[in-house]
Amino acid sequence: KVVEVLGDKSPVSQKKKAVVAVES
């Protein structure tokens, strides 16, 4: 579940990368 969206001011240390996918 998406519980937060990260913006430019979010700490860099939190910004690991991921493949994020959706279907429709």
mmCIF file of all heavy atoms, coordinates in Angstrom:
data_MODEL
# 
_entry.id   MODEL 
# 
loop_
_atom_site.group_PDB 
_atom_site.id 
_atom_site.type_symbol 
_atom_site.label_atom_id 
_atom_site.label_alt_id 
_atom_site.label_comp_id 
_atom_site.label_asym_id 
_atom_site.label_entity_id 
_atom_site.label_seq_id 
_atom_site.pdbx_PDB_ins_code 
_atom_site.Cartn_x 
_atom_site.Cartn_y 
_atom_site.Cartn_z 
_atom_site.occupancy 
_atom_site.B_iso_or_equiv 
_atom_site.pdbx_formal_charge 
_atom_site.auth_seq_id 
_atom_site.auth_comp_id 
_atom_site.auth_asym_id 
_atom_site.auth_atom_id 
_atom_site.pdbx_PDB_model_num 
ATOM 1   N N   . LYS A 1 1  ? 0.849  -1.191 0.000   1.00 0.00 ? 1  LYS A N   1 
ATOM 2   C CA  . LYS A 1 1  ? 0.000  0.000  0.000   1.00 0.00 ? 1  LYS A CA  1 
ATOM 3   C C   . LYS A 1 1  ? 0.888  1.246  0.000   1.00 0.00 ? 1  LYS A C   1 
ATOM 4   O O   . LYS A 1 1  ? 1.886  1.317  0.723   1.00 0.00 ? 1  LYS A O   1 
ATOM 5   C CB  . LYS A 1 1  ? -0.901 0.014  1.231   1.00 0.00 ? 1  LYS A CB  1 
ATOM 6   C CG  . LYS A 1 1  ? -1.845 1.235  1.289   1.00 0.00 ? 1  LYS A CG  1 
ATOM 7   C CD  . LYS A 1 1  ? -2.589 1.303  2.606   1.00 0.00 ? 1  LYS A CD  1 
ATOM 8   C CE  . LYS A 1 1  ? -3.587 0.156  2.737   1.00 0.00 ? 1  LYS A CE  1 
ATOM 9   N NZ  . LYS A 1 1  ? -4.421 0.316  3.970   1.00 0.00 ? 1  LYS A NZ  1 
ATOM 10  N N   . VAL A 1 2  ? 0.522  2.212  -0.819  1.00 0.00 ? 2  VAL A N   1 
ATOM 11  C CA  . VAL A 1 2  ? 1.222  3.500  -0.808  1.00 0.00 ? 2  VAL A CA  1 
ATOM 12  C C   . VAL A 1 2  ? 0.737  4.287  0.409   1.00 0.00 ? 2  VAL A C   1 
ATOM 13  O O   . VAL A 1 2  ? -0.445 4.628  0.514   1.00 0.00 ? 2  VAL A O   1 
ATOM 14  C CB  . VAL A 1 2  ? 0.939  4.290  -2.098  1.00 0.00 ? 2  VAL A CB  1 
ATOM 15  C CG1 . VAL A 1 2  ? 1.635  5.664  -2.029  1.00 0.00 ? 2  VAL A CG1 1 
ATOM 16  C CG2 . VAL A 1 2  ? 1.421  3.520  -3.324  1.00 0.00 ? 2  VAL A CG2 1 
ATOM 17  N N   . VAL A 1 3  ? 1.646  4.544  1.349   1.00 0.00 ? 3  VAL A N   1 
ATOM 18  C CA  . VAL A 1 3  ? 1.263  5.291  2.553   1.00 0.00 ? 3  VAL A CA  1 
ATOM 19  C C   . VAL A 1 3  ? 1.862  6.701  2.561   1.00 0.00 ? 3  VAL A C   1 
ATOM 20  O O   . VAL A 1 3  ? 1.524  7.515  3.423   1.00 0.00 ? 3  VAL A O   1 
ATOM 21  C CB  . VAL A 1 3  ? 1.692  4.536  3.836   1.00 0.00 ? 3  VAL A CB  1 
ATOM 22  C CG1 . VAL A 1 3  ? 0.962  3.201  3.931   1.00 0.00 ? 3  VAL A CG1 1 
ATOM 23  C CG2 . VAL A 1 3  ? 3.199  4.319  3.874   1.00 0.00 ? 3  VAL A CG2 1 
ATOM 24  N N   . GLU A 1 4  ? 2.734  6.976  1.578   1.00 0.00 ? 4  GLU A N   1 
ATOM 25  C CA  . GLU A 1 4  ? 3.369  8.296  1.516   1.00 0.00 ? 4  GLU A CA  1 
ATOM 26  C C   . GLU A 1 4  ? 3.939  8.501  0.125   1.00 0.00 ? 4  GLU A C   1 
ATOM 27  O O   . GLU A 1 4  ? 4.363  7.544  -0.534  1.00 0.00 ? 4  GLU A O   1 
ATOM 28  C CB  . GLU A 1 4  ? 4.496  8.375  2.553   1.00 0.00 ? 4  GLU A CB  1 
ATOM 29  C CG  . GLU A 1 4  ? 5.226  9.705  2.599   1.00 0.00 ? 4  GLU A CG  1 
ATOM 30  C CD  . GLU A 1 4  ? 6.428  9.669  3.532   1.00 0.00 ? 4  GLU A CD  1 
ATOM 31  O OE1 . GLU A 1 4  ? 6.559  8.683  4.290   1.00 0.00 ? 4  GLU A OE1 1 
ATOM 32  O OE2 . GLU A 1 4  ? 7.234  10.623 3.488   1.00 0.00 ? 4  GLU A OE2 1 
ATOM 33  N N   . VAL A 1 5  ? 3.929  9.734  -0.336  1.00 0.00 ? 5  VAL A N   1 
ATOM 34  C CA  . VAL A 1 5  ? 4.622  10.057 -1.585  1.00 0.00 ? 5  VAL A CA  1 
ATOM 35  C C   . VAL A 1 5  ? 5.818  10.932 -1.244  1.00 0.00 ? 5  VAL A C   1 
ATOM 36  O O   . VAL A 1 5  ? 5.735  11.824 -0.399  1.00 0.00 ? 5  VAL A O   1 
ATOM 37  C CB  . VAL A 1 5  ? 3.700  10.762 -2.598  1.00 0.00 ? 5  VAL A CB  1 
ATOM 38  C CG1 . VAL A 1 5  ? 2.630  9.808  -3.100  1.00 0.00 ? 5  VAL A CG1 1 
ATOM 39  C CG2 . VAL A 1 5  ? 3.085  12.014 -2.024  1.00 0.00 ? 5  VAL A CG2 1 
ATOM 40  N N   . LEU A 1 6  ? 6.935  10.656 -1.885  1.00 0.00 ? 6  LEU A N   1 
ATOM 41  C CA  . LEU A 1 6  ? 8.186  11.353 -1.610  1.00 0.00 ? 6  LEU A CA  1 
ATOM 42  C C   . LEU A 1 6  ? 8.347  12.535 -2.549  1.00 0.00 ? 6  LEU A C   1 
ATOM 43  O O   . LEU A 1 6  ? 8.125  12.420 -3.759  1.00 0.00 ? 6  LEU A O   1 
ATOM 44  C CB  . LEU A 1 6  ? 9.370  10.403 -1.780  1.00 0.00 ? 6  LEU A CB  1 
ATOM 45  C CG  . LEU A 1 6  ? 9.390  9.166  -0.873  1.00 0.00 ? 6  LEU A CG  1 
ATOM 46  C CD1 . LEU A 1 6  ? 10.496 8.219  -1.309  1.00 0.00 ? 6  LEU A CD1 1 
ATOM 47  C CD2 . LEU A 1 6  ? 9.578  9.570  0.578   1.00 0.00 ? 6  LEU A CD2 1 
ATOM 48  N N   . GLY A 1 7  ? 8.770  13.664 -2.021  1.00 0.00 ? 7  GLY A N   1 
ATOM 49  C CA  . GLY A 1 7  ? 9.039  14.843 -2.830  1.00 0.00 ? 7  GLY A CA  1 
ATOM 50  C C   . GLY A 1 7  ? 10.519 15.160 -2.852  1.00 0.00 ? 7  GLY A C   1 
ATOM 51  O O   . GLY A 1 7  ? 11.348 14.405 -2.332  1.00 0.00 ? 7  GLY A O   1 
ATOM 52  N N   . ASP A 1 8  ? 10.863 16.286 -3.443  1.00 0.00 ? 8  ASP A N   1 
ATOM 53  C CA  . ASP A 1 8  ? 12.267 16.683 -3.558  1.00 0.00 ? 8  ASP A CA  1 
ATOM 54  C C   . ASP A 1 8  ? 12.947 16.875 -2.205  1.00 0.00 ? 8  ASP A C   1 
ATOM 55  O O   . ASP A 1 8  ? 14.159 16.759 -2.077  1.00 0.00 ? 8  ASP A O   1 
ATOM 56  C CB  . ASP A 1 8  ? 12.370 17.987 -4.354  1.00 0.00 ? 8  ASP A CB  1 
ATOM 57  C CG  . ASP A 1 8  ? 12.100 17.751 -5.830  1.00 0.00 ? 8  ASP A CG  1 
ATOM 58  O OD1 . ASP A 1 8  ? 12.183 16.590 -6.253  1.00 0.00 ? 8  ASP A OD1 1 
ATOM 59  O OD2 . ASP A 1 8  ? 11.809 18.727 -6.547  1.00 0.00 ? 8  ASP A OD2 1 
ATOM 60  N N   . LYS A 1 9  ? 12.169 17.204 -1.148  1.00 0.00 ? 9  LYS A N   1 
ATOM 61  C CA  . LYS A 1 9  ? 12.764 17.505 0.151   1.00 0.00 ? 9  LYS A CA  1 
ATOM 62  C C   . LYS A 1 9  ? 12.900 16.283 1.051   1.00 0.00 ? 9  LYS A C   1 
ATOM 63  O O   . LYS A 1 9  ? 13.348 16.386 2.183   1.00 0.00 ? 9  LYS A O   1 
ATOM 64  C CB  . LYS A 1 9  ? 11.928 18.575 0.854   1.00 0.00 ? 9  LYS A CB  1 
ATOM 65  C CG  . LYS A 1 9  ? 11.952 19.924 0.138   1.00 0.00 ? 9  LYS A CG  1 
ATOM 66  C CD  . LYS A 1 9  ? 11.157 20.968 0.891   1.00 0.00 ? 9  LYS A CD  1 
ATOM 67  C CE  . LYS A 1 9  ? 11.203 22.319 0.169   1.00 0.00 ? 9  LYS A CE  1 
ATOM 68  N NZ  . LYS A 1 9  ? 10.432 23.351 0.892   1.00 0.00 ? 9  LYS A NZ  1 
ATOM 69  N N   . SER A 1 10 ? 12.483 15.101 0.549   1.00 0.00 ? 10 SER A N   1 
ATOM 70  C CA  . SER A 1 10 ? 12.639 13.891 1.354   1.00 0.00 ? 10 SER A CA  1 
ATOM 71  C C   . SER A 1 10 ? 14.115 13.553 1.492   1.00 0.00 ? 10 SER A C   1 
ATOM 72  O O   . SER A 1 10 ? 14.893 13.757 0.566   1.00 0.00 ? 10 SER A O   1 
ATOM 73  C CB  . SER A 1 10 ? 11.911 12.717 0.690   1.00 0.00 ? 10 SER A CB  1 
ATOM 74  O OG  . SER A 1 10 ? 10.530 12.994 0.600   1.00 0.00 ? 10 SER A OG  1 
ATOM 75  N N   . PRO A 1 11 ? 14.524 13.041 2.652   1.00 0.00 ? 11 PRO A N   1 
ATOM 76  C CA  . PRO A 1 11 ? 15.938 12.706 2.850   1.00 0.00 ? 11 PRO A CA  1 
ATOM 77  C C   . PRO A 1 11 ? 16.442 11.736 1.793   1.00 0.00 ? 11 PRO A C   1 
ATOM 78  O O   . PRO A 1 11 ? 15.778 10.755 1.474   1.00 0.00 ? 11 PRO A O   1 
ATOM 79  C CB  . PRO A 1 11 ? 15.945 12.057 4.239   1.00 0.00 ? 11 PRO A CB  1 
ATOM 80  C CG  . PRO A 1 11 ? 14.710 12.584 4.919   1.00 0.00 ? 11 PRO A CG  1 
ATOM 81  C CD  . PRO A 1 11 ? 13.706 12.780 3.853   1.00 0.00 ? 11 PRO A CD  1 
ATOM 82  N N   . VAL A 1 12 ? 17.626 12.032 1.245   1.00 0.00 ? 12 VAL A N   1 
ATOM 83  C CA  . VAL A 1 12 ? 18.201 11.183 0.210   1.00 0.00 ? 12 VAL A CA  1 
ATOM 84  C C   . VAL A 1 12 ? 18.402 9.762  0.711   1.00 0.00 ? 12 VAL A C   1 
ATOM 85  O O   . VAL A 1 12 ? 18.256 8.788  -0.020  1.00 0.00 ? 12 VAL A O   1 
ATOM 86  C CB  . VAL A 1 12 ? 19.549 11.772 -0.275  1.00 0.00 ? 12 VAL A CB  1 
ATOM 87  C CG1 . VAL A 1 12 ? 20.221 10.840 -1.267  1.00 0.00 ? 12 VAL A CG1 1 
ATOM 88  C CG2 . VAL A 1 12 ? 19.321 13.150 -0.903  1.00 0.00 ? 12 VAL A CG2 1 
ATOM 89  N N   . SER A 1 13 ? 18.734 9.604  1.994   1.00 0.00 ? 13 SER A N   1 
ATOM 90  C CA  . SER A 1 13 ? 19.000 8.277  2.557   1.00 0.00 ? 13 SER A CA  1 
ATOM 91  C C   . SER A 1 13 ? 17.785 7.360  2.457   1.00 0.00 ? 13 SER A C   1 
ATOM 92  O O   . SER A 1 13 ? 17.909 6.150  2.501   1.00 0.00 ? 13 SER A O   1 
ATOM 93  C CB  . SER A 1 13 ? 19.434 8.399  4.014   1.00 0.00 ? 13 SER A CB  1 
ATOM 94  O OG  . SER A 1 13 ? 18.395 8.990  4.793   1.00 0.00 ? 13 SER A OG  1 
ATOM 95  N N   . GLN A 1 14 ? 16.585 7.958  2.346   1.00 0.00 ? 14 GLN A N   1 
ATOM 96  C CA  . GLN A 1 14 ? 15.388 7.138  2.251   1.00 0.00 ? 14 GLN A CA  1 
ATOM 97  C C   . GLN A 1 14 ? 15.121 6.680  0.824   1.00 0.00 ? 14 GLN A C   1 
ATOM 98  O O   . GLN A 1 14 ? 14.306 5.810  0.595   1.00 0.00 ? 14 GLN A O   1 
ATOM 99  C CB  . GLN A 1 14 ? 14.171 7.943  2.736   1.00 0.00 ? 14 GLN A CB  1 
ATOM 100 C CG  . GLN A 1 14 ? 14.204 8.271  4.217   1.00 0.00 ? 14 GLN A CG  1 
ATOM 101 C CD  . GLN A 1 14 ? 12.951 9.036  4.638   1.00 0.00 ? 14 GLN A CD  1 
ATOM 102 O OE1 . GLN A 1 14 ? 12.149 9.429  3.806   1.00 0.00 ? 14 GLN A OE1 1 
ATOM 103 N NE2 . GLN A 1 14 ? 12.795 9.227  5.935   1.00 0.00 ? 14 GLN A NE2 1 
ATOM 104 N N   . LYS A 1 15 ? 15.809 7.278  -0.122  1.00 0.00 ? 15 LYS A N   1 
ATOM 105 C CA  . LYS A 1 15 ? 15.431 7.067  -1.518  1.00 0.00 ? 15 LYS A CA  1 
ATOM 106 C C   . LYS A 1 15 ? 16.176 5.911  -2.176  1.00 0.00 ? 15 LYS A C   1 
ATOM 107 O O   . LYS A 1 15 ? 17.007 6.102  -3.053  1.00 0.00 ? 15 LYS A O   1 
ATOM 108 C CB  . LYS A 1 15 ? 15.631 8.353  -2.308  1.00 0.00 ? 15 LYS A CB  1 
ATOM 109 C CG  . LYS A 1 15 ? 14.657 9.463  -1.902  1.00 0.00 ? 15 LYS A CG  1 
ATOM 110 C CD  . LYS A 1 15 ? 14.780 10.651 -2.845  1.00 0.00 ? 15 LYS A CD  1 
ATOM 111 C CE  . LYS A 1 15 ? 13.788 11.735 -2.472  1.00 0.00 ? 15 LYS A CE  1 
ATOM 112 N NZ  . LYS A 1 15 ? 13.864 12.887 -3.390  1.00 0.00 ? 15 LYS A NZ  1 
ATOM 113 N N   . LYS A 1 16 ? 15.872 4.720  -1.744  1.00 0.00 ? 16 LYS A N   1 
ATOM 114 C CA  . LYS A 1 16 ? 16.302 3.558  -2.505  1.00 0.00 ? 16 LYS A CA  1 
ATOM 115 C C   . LYS A 1 16 ? 15.444 3.500  -3.757  1.00 0.00 ? 16 LYS A C   1 
ATOM 116 O O   . LYS A 1 16 ? 14.429 4.161  -3.861  1.00 0.00 ? 16 LYS A O   1 
ATOM 117 C CB  . LYS A 1 16 ? 16.136 2.291  -1.672  1.00 0.00 ? 16 LYS A CB  1 
ATOM 118 C CG  . LYS A 1 16 ? 17.037 2.233  -0.451  1.00 0.00 ? 16 LYS A CG  1 
ATOM 119 C CD  . LYS A 1 16 ? 16.854 0.919  0.289   1.00 0.00 ? 16 LYS A CD  1 
ATOM 120 C CE  . LYS A 1 16 ? 17.791 0.859  1.489   1.00 0.00 ? 16 LYS A CE  1 
ATOM 121 N NZ  . LYS A 1 16 ? 17.620 -0.414 2.243   1.00 0.00 ? 16 LYS A NZ  1 
ATOM 122 N N   . LYS A 1 17 ? 15.848 2.669  -4.707  1.00 0.00 ? 17 LYS A N   1 
ATOM 123 C CA  . LYS A 1 17 ? 15.102 2.559  -5.952  1.00 0.00 ? 17 LYS A CA  1 
ATOM 124 C C   . LYS A 1 17 ? 14.257 1.291  -5.959  1.00 0.00 ? 17 LYS A C   1 
ATOM 125 O O   . LYS A 1 17 ? 14.580 0.292  -5.310  1.00 0.00 ? 17 LYS A O   1 
ATOM 126 C CB  . LYS A 1 17 ? 16.052 2.549  -7.148  1.00 0.00 ? 17 LYS A CB  1 
ATOM 127 C CG  . LYS A 1 17 ? 16.731 3.883  -7.420  1.00 0.00 ? 17 LYS A CG  1 
ATOM 128 C CD  . LYS A 1 17 ? 15.779 4.838  -8.114  1.00 0.00 ? 17 LYS A CD  1 
ATOM 129 C CE  . LYS A 1 17 ? 16.511 6.100  -8.557  1.00 0.00 ? 17 LYS A CE  1 
ATOM 130 N NZ  . LYS A 1 17 ? 15.615 7.026  -9.281  1.00 0.00 ? 17 LYS A NZ  1 
ATOM 131 N N   . ALA A 1 18 ? 13.171 1.332  -6.729  1.00 0.00 ? 18 ALA A N   1 
ATOM 132 C CA  . ALA A 1 18 ? 12.318 0.166  -6.902  1.00 0.00 ? 18 ALA A CA  1 
ATOM 133 C C   . ALA A 1 18 ? 11.629 0.254  -8.254  1.00 0.00 ? 18 ALA A C   1 
ATOM 134 O O   . ALA A 1 18 ? 11.444 1.339  -8.820  1.00 0.00 ? 18 ALA A O   1 
ATOM 135 C CB  . ALA A 1 18 ? 11.269 0.091  -5.794  1.00 0.00 ? 18 ALA A CB  1 
ATOM 136 N N   . VAL A 1 19 ? 11.272 -0.926 -8.782  1.00 0.00 ? 19 VAL A N   1 
ATOM 137 C CA  . VAL A 1 19 ? 10.358 -0.985 -9.919  1.00 0.00 ? 19 VAL A CA  1 
ATOM 138 C C   . VAL A 1 19 ? 8.954  -0.972 -9.326  1.00 0.00 ? 19 VAL A C   1 
ATOM 139 O O   . VAL A 1 19 ? 8.622  -1.810 -8.489  1.00 0.00 ? 19 VAL A O   1 
ATOM 140 C CB  . VAL A 1 19 ? 10.570 -2.260 -10.756 1.00 0.00 ? 19 VAL A CB  1 
ATOM 141 C CG1 . VAL A 1 19 ? 9.567  -2.300 -11.911 1.00 0.00 ? 19 VAL A CG1 1 
ATOM 142 C CG2 . VAL A 1 19 ? 12.000 -2.329 -11.274 1.00 0.00 ? 19 VAL A CG2 1 
ATOM 143 N N   . VAL A 1 20 ? 8.142  -0.019 -9.736  1.00 0.00 ? 20 VAL A N   1 
ATOM 144 C CA  . VAL A 1 20 ? 6.780  0.119  -9.225  1.00 0.00 ? 20 VAL A CA  1 
ATOM 145 C C   . VAL A 1 20 ? 5.816  -0.098 -10.388 1.00 0.00 ? 20 VAL A C   1 
ATOM 146 O O   . VAL A 1 20 ? 5.979  0.532  -11.447 1.00 0.00 ? 20 VAL A O   1 
ATOM 147 C CB  . VAL A 1 20 ? 6.546  1.496  -8.588  1.00 0.00 ? 20 VAL A CB  1 
ATOM 148 C CG1 . VAL A 1 20 ? 5.109  1.628  -8.093  1.00 0.00 ? 20 VAL A CG1 1 
ATOM 149 C CG2 . VAL A 1 20 ? 7.527  1.721  -7.444  1.00 0.00 ? 20 VAL A CG2 1 
ATOM 150 N N   . ALA A 1 21 ? 4.818  -0.977 -10.212 1.00 0.00 ? 21 ALA A N   1 
ATOM 151 C CA  . ALA A 1 21 ? 3.936  -1.347 -11.319 1.00 0.00 ? 21 ALA A CA  1 
ATOM 152 C C   . ALA A 1 21 ? 2.468  -1.342 -10.917 1.00 0.00 ? 21 ALA A C   1 
ATOM 153 O O   . ALA A 1 21 ? 2.128  -1.574 -9.744  1.00 0.00 ? 21 ALA A O   1 
ATOM 154 C CB  . ALA A 1 21 ? 4.315  -2.727 -11.846 1.00 0.00 ? 21 ALA A CB  1 
ATOM 155 N N   . VAL A 1 22 ? 1.626  -1.073 -11.902 1.00 0.00 ? 22 VAL A N   1 
ATOM 156 C CA  . VAL A 1 22 ? 0.172  -1.130 -11.720 1.00 0.00 ? 22 VAL A CA  1 
ATOM 157 C C   . VAL A 1 22 ? -0.440 -1.817 -12.934 1.00 0.00 ? 22 VAL A C   1 
ATOM 158 O O   . VAL A 1 22 ? 0.175  -1.889 -14.006 1.00 0.00 ? 22 VAL A O   1 
ATOM 159 C CB  . VAL A 1 22 ? -0.443 0.272  -11.559 1.00 0.00 ? 22 VAL A CB  1 
ATOM 160 C CG1 . VAL A 1 22 ? 0.054  0.941  -10.296 1.00 0.00 ? 22 VAL A CG1 1 
ATOM 161 C CG2 . VAL A 1 22 ? -0.168 1.145  -12.787 1.00 0.00 ? 22 VAL A CG2 1 
ATOM 162 N N   . GLU A 1 23 ? -1.654 -2.306 -12.767 1.00 0.00 ? 23 GLU A N   1 
ATOM 163 C CA  . GLU A 1 23 ? -2.407 -2.915 -13.866 1.00 0.00 ? 23 GLU A CA  1 
ATOM 164 C C   . GLU A 1 23 ? -3.760 -2.235 -13.996 1.00 0.00 ? 23 GLU A C   1 
ATOM 165 O O   . GLU A 1 23 ? -4.266 -1.634 -13.048 1.00 0.00 ? 23 GLU A O   1 
ATOM 166 C CB  . GLU A 1 23 ? -2.616 -4.409 -13.621 1.00 0.00 ? 23 GLU A CB  1 
ATOM 167 C CG  . GLU A 1 23 ? -1.370 -5.233 -13.771 1.00 0.00 ? 23 GLU A CG  1 
ATOM 168 C CD  . GLU A 1 23 ? -1.641 -6.715 -13.671 1.00 0.00 ? 23 GLU A CD  1 
ATOM 169 O OE1 . GLU A 1 23 ? -2.063 -7.163 -12.589 1.00 0.00 ? 23 GLU A OE1 1 
ATOM 170 O OE2 . GLU A 1 23 ? -1.434 -7.425 -14.670 1.00 0.00 ? 23 GLU A OE2 1 
ATOM 171 N N   . SER A 1 24 ? -4.345 -2.352 -15.178 1.00 0.00 ? 24 SER A N   1 
ATOM 172 C CA  . SER A 1 24 ? -5.690 -1.833 -15.399 1.00 0.00 ? 24 SER A CA  1 
ATOM 173 C C   . SER A 1 24 ? -6.364 -2.656 -16.486 1.00 0.00 ? 24 SER A C   1 
ATOM 174 O O   . SER A 1 24 ? -5.710 -3.441 -17.190 1.00 0.00 ? 24 SER A O   1 
ATOM 175 C CB  . SER A 1 24 ? -5.640 -0.358 -15.821 1.00 0.00 ? 24 SER A CB  1 
ATOM 176 O OG  . SER A 1 24 ? -5.146 -0.249 -17.140 1.00 0.00 ? 24 SER A OG  1 
# 
